[in-house]
C-alpha cells in the first residue's frame, strides 16, 4: 500500500469539486441578479445549470468517499508500509533516525506510531496522518525551526554550571567531579510540570548546540566545560553535531581552566 497512489486519485476529484464550486458561485450570483430583475427565462436557465452542477458535485464527492473508504489505514500501518515509506523519506531528506517500530528518535524528537488509531506522535503532539510525506515534512520543518532559533550558549552554560554546583552539594561530590548529564537535568529542571515544557529531548538539543562551541565557552566565574563519554550508553545522551555525526555524552564537569 502507498498513500501516494490514493493521493493521485483524489487530487483530480478535488480539483473538479473546486471548479464546480467556482461555477456554482457564479451561477448563484446570476440567479440572485435574475431574481431581482425579474428575468424569468434567464433565471430558469441558470437554475437548471445550478442543479446540474450540484449533481456533478455530489457525484465527485461520492467518488471521493468511495476511494477513501477503500483505503485501509490500519492495515497500512500494521503491514509496515507506512513505516518503510516514512523511513525512506527521512533518508531522502537527511533526517537521522534511530529506534525500531513503533518508537523512533528523530533528533531531537521522539516519534511513536499508533497503528490502532492511525496516529503519529511527535513528542506529545498528535498527527492524525496516513501520509508519510506530510509527517516527514512536519519533522523537517520542526528541525529547521529549531536550528534557526536563537541560542545563547553562554547563558545556557552558566545555568548548567549553577545546576552542577547545586548537584555537587546535594550529592556530596568533590569540586570538578564528573556528573551524569541525566542526573544534572533533574537539578536544572527540578519541578515535574516544567519538564513538560523543557523535556530531555530539548535538553539534548541544547547540549548539542553547546557541544558545538564548548571550547570557546567560559562560565561567568571563569570555568571551562568538559563532556565525557561512558561505556554504558543507557546513561548517555545521544546528540548530533552540525555535520550529522552522532556523539554520546554521559558526563560533564566544570573546572578551572
Protein backbone atom coordinates (compact mmCIF):
# COMPACT_ATOMS: atom_id res chain seq x y z
CA UNK A 1 0.00 0.00 0.00
CA UNK A 2 1.06 3.54 -0.65
CA UNK A 3 -0.92 6.66 0.23
CA UNK A 4 0.61 8.47 -2.75
CA UNK A 5 -1.41 6.19 -5.08
CA UNK A 6 -4.60 7.27 -3.31
CA UNK A 7 -3.43 10.88 -3.34
CA UNK A 8 -3.03 10.82 -7.15
CA UNK A 9 -6.59 9.53 -7.41
CA UNK A 10 -8.06 12.11 -5.02
CA UNK A 11 -6.39 15.27 -6.35
CA UNK A 12 -8.22 15.37 -9.74
CA UNK A 13 -11.54 14.76 -7.99
CA UNK A 14 -10.82 17.58 -5.56
CA UNK A 15 -10.00 19.87 -8.48
CA UNK A 16 -13.32 19.01 -10.12
CA UNK A 17 -15.10 19.91 -6.88
CA UNK A 18 -13.17 23.18 -6.67
CA UNK A 19 -14.02 24.12 -10.28
CA UNK A 20 -17.65 23.19 -9.73
CA UNK A 21 -17.78 25.36 -6.61
CA UNK A 22 -16.44 28.32 -8.56
CA UNK A 23 -19.09 27.78 -11.24
CA UNK A 24 -21.79 27.40 -8.59
CA UNK A 25 -20.75 30.71 -7.05
CA UNK A 26 -21.06 32.41 -10.44
CA UNK A 27 -24.45 30.89 -11.10
CA UNK A 28 -25.66 31.84 -7.63
CA UNK A 29 -24.85 35.47 -8.34
CA UNK A 30 -26.64 35.19 -11.71
CA UNK A 31 -29.70 33.64 -10.03
CA UNK A 32 -29.78 36.44 -7.45
CA UNK A 33 -29.47 39.03 -10.21
CA UNK A 34 -32.22 37.41 -12.30
CA UNK A 35 -34.49 37.17 -9.26
CA UNK A 36 -34.06 40.86 -8.53
CA UNK A 37 -34.55 41.96 -12.13
CA UNK A 38 -37.43 39.57 -12.78
CA UNK A 39 -35.77 37.88 -15.80
CA UNK A 40 -37.68 34.61 -15.51
CA UNK A 41 -36.26 32.96 -18.64
CA UNK A 42 -32.66 33.61 -17.59
CA UNK A 43 -33.49 32.61 -14.01
CA UNK A 44 -34.96 29.30 -15.18
CA UNK A 45 -31.90 28.59 -17.35
CA UNK A 46 -29.43 29.44 -14.57
CA UNK A 47 -31.33 27.36 -12.02
CA UNK A 48 -31.15 24.36 -14.36
CA UNK A 49 -27.40 24.86 -14.71
CA UNK A 50 -27.11 25.22 -10.95
CA UNK A 51 -28.94 21.91 -10.45
CA UNK A 52 -26.67 20.12 -12.96
CA UNK A 53 -23.55 21.38 -11.17
CA UNK A 54 -24.92 20.27 -7.82
CA UNK A 55 -25.37 16.76 -9.20
CA UNK A 56 -21.84 16.79 -10.59
CA UNK A 57 -20.55 17.97 -7.20
CA UNK A 58 -22.43 15.18 -5.44
CA UNK A 59 -21.01 12.59 -7.86
CA UNK A 60 -17.44 13.82 -7.27
CA UNK A 61 -17.98 13.74 -3.51
CA UNK A 62 -19.34 10.18 -3.79
CA UNK A 63 -16.29 9.04 -5.77
CA UNK A 64 -14.01 10.66 -3.21
CA UNK A 65 -15.81 8.88 -0.39
CA UNK A 66 -15.56 5.52 -2.15
CA UNK A 67 -11.83 5.92 -2.73
CA UNK A 68 -11.22 6.93 0.88
CA UNK A 69 -13.31 4.04 2.26
CA UNK A 70 -11.37 1.57 0.11
CA UNK A 71 -8.07 2.64 1.72
CA UNK A 72 -7.46 0.67 4.94
CA UNK A 73 -5.37 2.99 7.09
CA UNK A 74 -4.99 0.47 9.90
CA UNK A 75 -3.69 -2.18 7.51
CA UNK A 76 -1.33 0.42 6.03
CA UNK A 77 0.24 0.89 9.46
CA UNK A 78 0.18 -2.75 10.57
CA UNK A 79 1.68 -4.06 7.33
CA UNK A 80 4.75 -1.89 7.82
CA UNK A 81 4.24 0.01 4.56
CA UNK A 82 3.72 3.34 6.33
CA UNK A 83 6.88 2.85 8.40
CA UNK A 84 9.02 1.78 5.45
CA UNK A 85 7.93 4.75 3.34
CA UNK A 86 8.40 7.15 6.26
CA UNK A 87 11.96 5.91 6.84
CA UNK A 88 12.79 6.15 3.13
CA UNK A 89 11.56 9.75 3.03
CA UNK A 90 13.64 10.53 6.14
CA UNK A 91 16.73 9.20 4.35
CA UNK A 92 15.95 11.36 1.31
CA UNK A 93 15.63 14.49 3.48
CA UNK A 94 18.69 13.72 5.60
CA UNK A 95 16.71 13.16 8.81
CA UNK A 96 18.64 10.97 11.24
CA UNK A 97 16.51 8.10 12.59
CA UNK A 98 17.21 5.51 15.26
CA UNK A 99 14.97 3.02 17.02
CA UNK A 100 12.53 0.33 15.99
CA UNK A 101 8.79 0.20 15.32
CA UNK A 102 6.73 1.67 16.89
CA UNK A 103 9.12 4.13 18.60
CA UNK A 104 11.82 6.11 16.80
CA UNK A 105 14.13 9.01 17.60
CA UNK A 106 14.45 11.79 15.03
CA UNK A 107 16.81 14.09 16.88
CA UNK A 108 15.72 15.86 18.98
CA UNK A 109 12.23 14.40 18.64
CA UNK A 110 10.70 11.16 19.84
CA UNK A 111 8.27 9.61 17.33
CA UNK A 112 5.66 6.97 18.15
CA UNK A 113 3.33 5.26 15.69
CA UNK A 114 -0.17 4.27 16.81
CA UNK A 115 -1.48 1.74 14.29
CA UNK A 116 -4.78 1.23 16.11
CA UNK A 117 -5.83 4.86 15.55
CA UNK A 118 -3.60 5.70 12.56
CA UNK A 119 -1.89 8.45 14.52
CA UNK A 120 1.72 9.56 14.75
CA UNK A 121 3.07 11.30 17.84
CA UNK A 122 5.91 13.79 17.56
CA UNK A 123 6.87 14.10 21.22
CA UNK A 124 3.43 14.90 22.70
CA UNK A 125 1.88 16.35 19.53
CA UNK A 126 -0.52 14.02 17.75
CA UNK A 127 -0.79 13.89 13.96
CA UNK A 128 -3.83 12.08 12.52
CA UNK A 129 -1.92 11.07 9.46
CA UNK A 130 -1.74 8.27 6.90
CA UNK A 131 0.54 10.19 4.55
CA UNK A 132 4.22 9.62 5.43
CA UNK A 133 5.29 12.53 3.24
CA UNK A 134 3.26 15.12 5.15
CA UNK A 135 4.53 13.84 8.52
CA UNK A 136 8.18 13.80 7.42
CA UNK A 137 7.77 17.34 6.09
CA UNK A 138 6.48 18.39 9.54
CA UNK A 139 9.52 16.79 11.21
CA UNK A 140 11.92 18.51 8.81
CA UNK A 141 10.19 21.88 9.25
CA UNK A 142 10.38 21.50 13.05
CA UNK A 143 14.08 20.65 12.93
CA UNK A 144 14.76 23.62 10.66
CA UNK A 145 12.90 25.95 13.03
CA UNK A 146 14.92 24.67 15.99
CA UNK A 147 18.19 25.17 14.12
CA UNK A 148 17.26 28.74 13.22
CA UNK A 149 16.06 29.62 16.72
CA UNK A 150 18.30 31.86 18.78
CA UNK A 151 20.56 30.12 21.28
CA UNK A 152 22.70 31.85 23.89
CA UNK A 153 25.42 29.30 24.58
CA UNK A 154 26.95 31.49 27.28
CA UNK A 155 23.70 31.81 29.21
CA UNK A 156 22.98 28.09 28.92
CA UNK A 157 26.50 27.25 30.15
CA UNK A 158 26.04 29.50 33.19
CA UNK A 159 22.68 27.90 34.03
CA UNK A 160 24.20 24.46 33.62
CA UNK A 161 27.11 25.44 35.89
CA UNK A 162 24.70 26.61 38.60
CA UNK A 163 22.84 23.30 38.43
CA UNK A 164 26.17 21.46 38.52
CA UNK A 165 27.27 23.29 41.69
CA UNK A 166 23.96 22.52 43.37
CA UNK A 167 24.24 18.86 42.39
CA UNK A 168 27.77 18.68 43.82
CA UNK A 169 26.46 19.91 47.18
CA UNK A 170 23.41 17.64 47.21
CA UNK A 171 25.38 14.57 46.12
CA UNK A 172 28.39 15.42 48.34
CA UNK A 173 30.80 15.26 45.44
CA UNK A 174 34.23 16.87 45.23
CA UNK A 175 34.66 20.03 43.11
CA UNK A 176 35.28 19.33 39.43
CA UNK A 177 33.81 15.83 39.74
CA UNK A 178 32.21 14.21 36.70
CA UNK A 179 28.42 14.16 36.98
CA UNK A 180 25.98 12.32 34.77
CA UNK A 181 24.12 14.69 32.49
CA UNK A 182 20.95 12.67 33.04
CA UNK A 183 21.22 13.44 36.76
CA UNK A 184 22.09 17.08 36.16
CA UNK A 185 18.93 17.56 34.10
CA UNK A 186 16.86 17.00 37.24
CA UNK A 187 18.70 19.78 39.03
CA UNK A 188 18.41 22.08 36.01
CA UNK A 189 14.65 21.47 35.81
CA UNK A 190 13.66 20.39 39.33
CA UNK A 191 9.86 20.57 39.00
CA UNK A 192 7.96 17.93 37.06
CA UNK A 193 5.47 20.33 35.49
CA UNK A 194 8.33 22.38 33.99
CA UNK A 195 9.77 19.24 32.41
CA UNK A 196 6.75 19.14 30.12
CA UNK A 197 7.89 22.45 28.62
CA UNK A 198 11.60 21.59 28.67
CA UNK A 199 11.89 17.84 28.25
CA UNK A 200 15.00 15.71 27.87
CA UNK A 201 14.87 15.95 24.07
CA UNK A 202 15.05 19.74 24.35
CA UNK A 203 17.90 19.37 26.84
CA UNK A 204 19.75 17.11 24.40
CA UNK A 205 19.27 19.63 21.60
CA UNK A 206 20.72 22.45 23.73
CA UNK A 207 23.62 20.21 24.74
CA UNK A 208 24.32 19.59 21.04
CA UNK A 209 24.48 23.32 20.39
CA UNK A 210 26.69 23.88 23.42
CA UNK A 211 28.92 20.97 22.36
CA UNK A 212 29.49 22.69 19.02
CA UNK A 213 31.19 25.67 20.70
CA UNK A 214 32.26 24.24 24.07
CA UNK A 215 35.95 25.07 23.53
CA UNK A 216 35.09 28.75 23.21
CA UNK A 217 32.91 28.97 26.33
CA UNK A 218 33.98 30.06 29.80
CA UNK A 219 31.42 30.37 32.59
CA UNK A 220 30.77 33.58 34.48
CA UNK A 221 33.25 32.51 37.19
CA UNK A 222 35.95 31.53 34.73
CA UNK A 223 35.49 27.76 34.46
CA UNK A 224 35.78 25.59 31.38
CA UNK A 225 33.49 22.72 30.41
CA UNK A 226 34.39 19.12 29.66
CA UNK A 227 31.99 16.49 28.40
CA UNK A 228 32.75 12.82 28.92
CA UNK A 229 31.54 9.55 27.34
CA UNK A 230 30.54 6.41 29.16
CA UNK A 231 30.69 2.75 28.24
CA UNK A 232 27.09 2.37 29.32
CA UNK A 233 25.11 4.10 26.57
CA UNK A 234 22.00 3.72 28.68
CA UNK A 235 23.35 6.56 30.79
CA UNK A 236 24.50 8.64 27.86
CA UNK A 237 22.60 11.31 25.93
CA UNK A 238 22.76 10.93 22.18
CA UNK A 239 23.31 14.11 20.20
CA UNK A 240 24.08 15.01 16.61
CA UNK A 241 26.69 17.60 15.70
CA UNK A 242 26.26 20.14 12.89
CA UNK A 243 27.63 17.59 10.43
CA UNK A 244 25.05 14.98 11.42
CA UNK A 245 27.58 12.83 13.28
CA UNK A 246 26.35 11.20 16.47
CA UNK A 247 28.02 11.53 19.87
CA UNK A 248 27.12 10.02 23.22
CA UNK A 249 27.59 12.44 26.09
CA UNK A 250 27.36 10.87 29.52
CA UNK A 251 29.09 13.22 31.96
CA UNK A 252 30.05 16.84 32.41
CA UNK A 253 32.41 18.69 34.68
CA UNK A 254 33.25 22.34 35.18
CA UNK A 255 36.88 23.01 36.02
CA UNK A 256 39.30 25.86 36.47
CA UNK A 257 40.92 26.26 33.10
